[in-house]
Protein backbone atom coordinates (compact mmCIF):
# COMPACT_ATOMS: atom_id res chain seq x y z
CA MET A 1 21.79 16.06 -32.79
CA THR A 2 18.64 14.87 -34.54
CA SER A 3 15.20 15.54 -33.05
CA SER A 4 14.72 11.84 -32.25
CA SER A 5 18.08 11.68 -30.47
CA ALA A 6 17.24 14.82 -28.51
CA LEU A 7 13.89 13.31 -27.46
CA GLU A 8 15.59 10.07 -26.38
CA SER A 9 18.05 12.09 -24.30
CA ILE A 10 15.22 14.03 -22.64
CA LEU A 11 13.25 10.85 -21.97
CA LYS A 12 16.31 9.26 -20.38
CA ARG A 13 16.84 12.34 -18.20
CA ASP A 14 13.17 12.37 -17.18
CA ARG A 15 13.31 8.67 -16.36
CA LEU A 16 16.37 9.11 -14.14
CA ILE A 17 14.80 12.07 -12.33
CA VAL A 18 11.56 10.21 -11.68
CA ILE A 19 13.33 7.01 -10.58
CA ALA A 20 15.53 9.03 -8.21
CA GLY A 21 12.51 10.86 -6.81
CA LEU A 22 10.46 7.70 -6.27
CA ALA A 23 13.42 5.89 -4.72
CA ALA A 24 14.10 8.80 -2.37
CA VAL A 25 10.48 9.01 -1.18
CA ALA A 26 10.17 5.24 -0.73
CA SER A 27 13.53 5.06 1.09
CA LEU A 28 12.56 7.85 3.49
CA ALA A 29 9.23 6.12 4.13
CA TRP A 30 10.95 2.83 4.90
CA ALA A 31 13.45 4.60 7.18
CA TYR A 32 10.62 6.26 9.11
CA THR A 33 8.79 2.94 9.39
CA LEU A 34 11.89 1.10 10.61
CA ALA A 35 12.51 3.86 13.15
CA GLY A 36 9.12 3.10 14.66
CA ALA A 37 6.91 5.65 12.88
CA GLY A 38 6.55 7.74 16.03
CA MET A 39 5.29 4.84 18.17
CA GLY A 40 7.94 5.13 20.90
CA MET A 41 10.21 2.25 19.89
CA ASN A 42 11.66 1.05 16.63
CA ALA A 43 10.03 -1.56 14.43
CA PHE A 44 12.66 -4.18 15.26
CA GLU A 45 11.80 -3.91 18.96
CA MET A 46 8.07 -4.07 18.27
CA THR A 47 8.56 -7.11 16.02
CA ALA A 48 10.56 -8.90 18.69
CA MET A 49 8.04 -8.29 21.45
CA SER A 50 5.53 -10.98 22.26
CA ASP A 51 1.99 -10.00 23.12
CA GLY A 52 1.79 -12.14 26.23
CA GLY A 53 1.79 -9.44 28.88
CA ALA A 54 0.35 -6.74 26.68
CA ALA A 55 -2.93 -8.55 26.01
CA SER A 56 -4.34 -7.60 29.41
CA ALA A 57 -2.95 -4.06 29.42
CA PRO A 58 -5.52 -1.25 29.37
CA PRO A 59 -5.96 0.64 26.09
CA VAL A 60 -3.71 3.63 25.55
CA PRO A 61 -5.81 6.82 25.75
CA TRP A 62 -6.29 8.41 22.35
CA SER A 63 -5.56 12.10 22.08
CA PRO A 64 -5.38 14.25 18.94
CA ALA A 65 -1.59 13.84 19.04
CA ARG A 66 -1.83 10.03 19.16
CA ALA A 67 -4.47 9.97 16.44
CA LEU A 68 -2.18 12.03 14.21
CA ALA A 69 0.79 9.77 15.01
CA VAL A 70 -1.21 6.65 14.14
CA PHE A 71 -2.45 8.20 10.90
CA LEU A 72 1.11 9.17 9.93
CA MET A 73 2.33 5.69 10.85
CA TRP A 74 -0.18 4.10 8.46
CA PHE A 75 0.26 6.67 5.71
CA VAL A 76 4.06 6.51 5.67
CA MET A 77 3.89 2.72 5.84
CA MET A 78 1.53 2.69 2.85
CA ILE A 79 3.97 4.90 0.93
CA ALA A 80 6.82 2.51 1.73
CA MET A 81 4.81 -0.57 0.76
CA MET A 82 2.86 0.68 -2.27
CA LEU A 83 4.96 3.30 -4.07
CA PRO A 84 7.48 0.75 -5.50
CA SER A 85 4.64 -1.21 -7.11
CA ALA A 86 3.31 1.99 -8.71
CA ALA A 87 6.69 2.93 -10.18
CA PRO A 88 6.17 1.23 -13.60
CA MET A 89 2.91 3.16 -14.10
CA VAL A 90 4.51 6.47 -13.10
CA LEU A 91 7.48 5.90 -15.43
CA LEU A 92 5.24 5.05 -18.38
CA PHE A 93 3.11 8.12 -17.69
CA THR A 94 6.28 10.27 -17.66
CA ALA A 95 7.41 8.98 -21.04
CA ILE A 96 4.01 9.42 -22.70
CA ALA A 97 3.54 12.87 -21.17
CA ARG A 98 6.85 14.01 -22.66
CA LYS A 99 6.10 12.55 -26.08
CA ARG A 100 2.67 14.15 -26.18
CA GLN A 101 4.16 17.39 -24.89
CA ALA A 102 1.17 17.57 -22.58
CA GLN A 103 3.39 18.63 -19.70
CA PRO A 104 5.80 21.58 -19.82
CA ARG A 105 8.01 19.43 -17.59
CA SER A 106 6.99 15.80 -17.48
CA GLU A 107 8.64 15.22 -14.10
CA ILE A 108 6.19 17.73 -12.60
CA GLY A 109 3.36 15.71 -14.12
CA ALA A 110 4.90 12.55 -12.66
CA ALA A 111 4.98 14.17 -9.22
CA ALA A 112 1.31 15.16 -9.60
CA PHE A 113 0.42 11.63 -10.69
CA ALA A 114 2.24 10.16 -7.67
CA ALA A 115 0.58 12.71 -5.38
CA GLY A 116 -2.88 11.70 -6.63
CA TYR A 117 -2.00 8.03 -6.16
CA LEU A 118 -0.79 8.60 -2.59
CA ALA A 119 -3.80 10.78 -1.76
CA ILE A 120 -5.99 7.67 -2.06
CA TRP A 121 -3.72 5.80 0.34
CA GLY A 122 -3.90 8.81 2.66
CA ILE A 123 -7.69 8.45 2.77
CA PHE A 124 -7.29 4.73 3.42
CA SER A 125 -4.80 5.50 6.21
CA ALA A 126 -7.31 7.80 7.91
CA GLY A 127 -9.96 5.09 7.77
CA VAL A 128 -7.69 2.35 9.04
CA ALA A 129 -6.45 4.61 11.88
CA LEU A 130 -10.08 4.99 12.98
CA ALA A 131 -10.47 1.21 12.76
CA GLN A 132 -7.38 0.76 14.91
CA TRP A 133 -8.83 3.10 17.53
CA ALA A 134 -12.06 1.09 17.58
CA PHE A 135 -10.17 -2.22 17.82
CA GLU A 136 -8.00 -0.95 20.65
CA MET A 137 -10.97 0.39 22.59
CA SER A 138 -12.68 -3.01 22.11
CA ARG A 139 -9.46 -4.72 23.24
CA LEU A 140 -9.18 -6.62 19.99
CA LEU A 141 -5.70 -5.07 19.67
CA THR A 142 -3.11 -4.61 22.36
CA PRO A 143 -1.41 -1.25 22.96
CA MET A 144 1.45 -2.76 20.91
CA MET A 145 -1.00 -3.17 17.99
CA GLN A 146 -1.14 -6.96 18.10
CA SER A 147 -4.34 -8.98 17.87
CA THR A 148 -5.78 -10.51 21.05
CA ASN A 149 -8.76 -12.40 19.65
CA ALA A 150 -8.58 -15.61 17.61
CA LEU A 151 -12.14 -15.21 16.33
CA PHE A 152 -11.29 -11.72 15.04
CA ASP A 153 -8.15 -13.14 13.40
CA GLY A 154 -10.01 -15.99 11.74
CA LEU A 155 -12.78 -13.81 10.37
CA LEU A 156 -10.27 -11.28 9.04
CA LEU A 157 -8.28 -14.03 7.30
CA LEU A 158 -11.45 -15.57 5.89
CA ALA A 159 -12.71 -12.25 4.52
CA ALA A 160 -9.32 -11.49 2.95
CA GLY A 161 -9.16 -14.95 1.39
CA ILE A 162 -12.65 -14.72 -0.08
CA TYR A 163 -11.95 -11.23 -1.45
CA GLN A 164 -8.87 -12.58 -3.26
CA LEU A 165 -11.21 -14.83 -5.27
CA THR A 166 -13.74 -12.16 -6.26
CA SER A 167 -14.17 -10.60 -9.69
CA LEU A 168 -13.81 -7.12 -8.15
CA LYS A 169 -10.33 -7.99 -6.92
CA GLN A 170 -9.36 -9.30 -10.36
CA ALA A 171 -10.85 -6.30 -12.17
CA CYS A 172 -8.93 -3.82 -10.03
CA LEU A 173 -5.72 -5.85 -10.26
CA GLY A 174 -6.09 -6.06 -14.03
CA ARG A 175 -6.12 -2.26 -14.29
CA CYS A 176 -2.97 -2.07 -12.15
CA ARG A 177 -1.19 -4.66 -14.29
CA GLN A 178 -1.95 -2.97 -17.63
CA PRO A 179 -0.31 0.47 -17.58
CA VAL A 180 -0.73 1.08 -21.31
CA GLY A 181 -4.43 0.30 -21.26
CA PHE A 182 -4.98 2.40 -18.14
CA ILE A 183 -3.18 5.45 -19.52
CA THR A 184 -4.95 5.14 -22.87
CA GLN A 185 -8.37 5.07 -21.21
CA TYR A 186 -7.80 7.60 -18.43
CA TRP A 187 -5.43 10.09 -20.03
CA ARG A 188 -5.90 13.69 -18.91
CA SER A 189 -3.70 16.60 -19.97
CA GLY A 190 -2.01 19.08 -17.65
CA THR A 191 -0.85 18.86 -14.07
CA SER A 192 -4.38 18.63 -12.67
CA GLY A 193 -5.10 15.89 -15.19
CA ALA A 194 -2.03 14.00 -14.02
CA PHE A 195 -3.27 14.27 -10.43
CA ARG A 196 -6.70 12.92 -11.43
CA MET A 197 -5.04 10.04 -13.26
CA GLY A 198 -3.06 9.26 -10.11
CA VAL A 199 -6.28 9.28 -8.09
CA ALA A 200 -7.87 6.86 -10.56
CA HIS A 201 -4.88 4.53 -10.47
CA GLY A 202 -4.73 4.74 -6.68
CA THR A 203 -8.42 3.81 -6.49
CA PHE A 204 -7.87 0.67 -8.55
CA CYS A 205 -4.76 -0.14 -6.50
CA LEU A 206 -6.72 0.29 -3.28
CA GLY A 207 -9.44 -1.94 -4.68
CA CYS A 208 -7.02 -4.81 -5.21
CA CYS A 209 -4.87 -4.39 -2.09
CA TRP A 210 -6.88 -2.98 0.82
CA PHE A 211 -7.73 -6.34 2.37
CA LEU A 212 -4.08 -7.37 2.15
CA MET A 213 -3.15 -4.27 4.14
CA ALA A 214 -5.86 -5.08 6.69
CA LEU A 215 -4.01 -8.34 7.36
CA LEU A 216 -1.50 -6.28 9.33
CA PHE A 217 -4.10 -6.30 12.11
CA PHE A 218 -3.62 -10.08 12.18
CA GLY A 219 0.15 -10.25 11.87
CA GLY A 220 0.95 -7.13 13.90
CA VAL A 221 0.64 -3.60 12.60
CA MET A 222 4.36 -2.91 13.05
CA ASN A 223 5.58 -6.48 12.56
CA LEU A 224 8.38 -6.18 10.00
CA TYR A 225 7.92 -9.72 8.74
CA TRP A 226 4.31 -9.00 7.83
CA ILE A 227 5.05 -5.54 6.46
CA ALA A 228 7.82 -6.87 4.20
CA GLY A 229 5.82 -9.98 3.30
CA VAL A 230 2.69 -8.10 2.26
CA ALA A 231 4.72 -5.50 0.32
CA THR A 232 6.62 -8.25 -1.52
CA TYR A 233 3.41 -10.12 -2.34
CA VAL A 234 1.74 -6.95 -3.68
CA LEU A 235 4.74 -6.30 -5.93
CA ALA A 236 4.74 -9.91 -7.17
CA GLU A 237 0.99 -9.88 -7.81
CA LYS A 238 1.33 -6.78 -9.99
CA LEU A 239 4.46 -7.76 -11.91
CA MET A 240 4.67 -11.54 -12.16
CA PRO A 241 3.05 -13.51 -15.01
CA ARG A 242 0.08 -15.78 -14.29
CA GLN A 243 -1.05 -13.46 -11.50
CA ARG A 244 -4.57 -14.95 -11.50
CA TRP A 245 -3.13 -18.23 -10.27
CA LEU A 246 -1.08 -16.40 -7.66
CA SER A 247 -4.13 -14.49 -6.41
CA ARG A 248 -6.23 -17.63 -6.23
CA ALA A 249 -3.50 -19.60 -4.48
CA ALA A 250 -3.11 -16.83 -1.91
CA GLY A 251 -6.89 -16.66 -1.45
CA TRP A 252 -7.25 -20.37 -0.77
CA ALA A 253 -4.18 -20.33 1.50
CA LEU A 254 -5.79 -17.56 3.57
CA ILE A 255 -9.06 -19.48 3.73
CA VAL A 256 -7.28 -22.63 4.95
CA LEU A 257 -5.37 -20.59 7.54
CA ALA A 258 -8.63 -18.95 8.62
CA ALA A 259 -10.22 -22.36 9.12
CA ALA A 260 -7.31 -23.44 11.32
CA VAL A 261 -7.47 -20.27 13.39
CA LEU A 262 -11.26 -20.44 13.76
CA ALA A 263 -11.04 -24.10 14.78
CA ARG A 264 -8.82 -23.07 17.70
CA ALA A 265 -11.15 -20.21 18.59
CA VAL A 266 -14.23 -22.38 19.14
């Protein structure tokens, strides 16, 4: 076997290992989310419930155990929604790491890269869990994590729509859509370098998607239609051609929806 054939065989093996690992983690995250993410009932039941009677229910007391459960709910949900869209970047990193022989085992580097990426979404999950606590205590969310206030909904939609049109959104999205350029600019050797690269990629990914995730407060934190819809949109925005038009169309659609919601609120 020639050296080039041997390298191709190793790259194919690495690719299969990384794909299997990413698929397993994402599948487990989706399974945990569908099972209810520790919220006491499964996501199908929470999606089917209306918020009619729950709007006037008193807030559920927050204990350390509930705070941890809410954090895990958000974090696992972020893994389920965001890891598939990061897969192309992780796979490209794996191939380049092997070719550069910068990793003794490139799949370990890929795991470190993915860990760095998910660490950023873990930080986001902690912040959004705190926001959920504040919204529940203010009765802007029901105990079933559904919005109760049309003004809150309209302002959230408006802010998300405006952010879709900003240069910051486009700059962050551009880094997510150009794996080769990102890896060329941010390459770091070794396992710790792979982790730092994952953190950098996760930061750009958070920059382009955090307001989209915040829309779950509007649609229902555990509403499967919104979870699947936002995850599908994020994937399309990163992979489809002419993404600038898609981002702008989504931004204006959110602004129009916000206007309709705010008109009903006043």
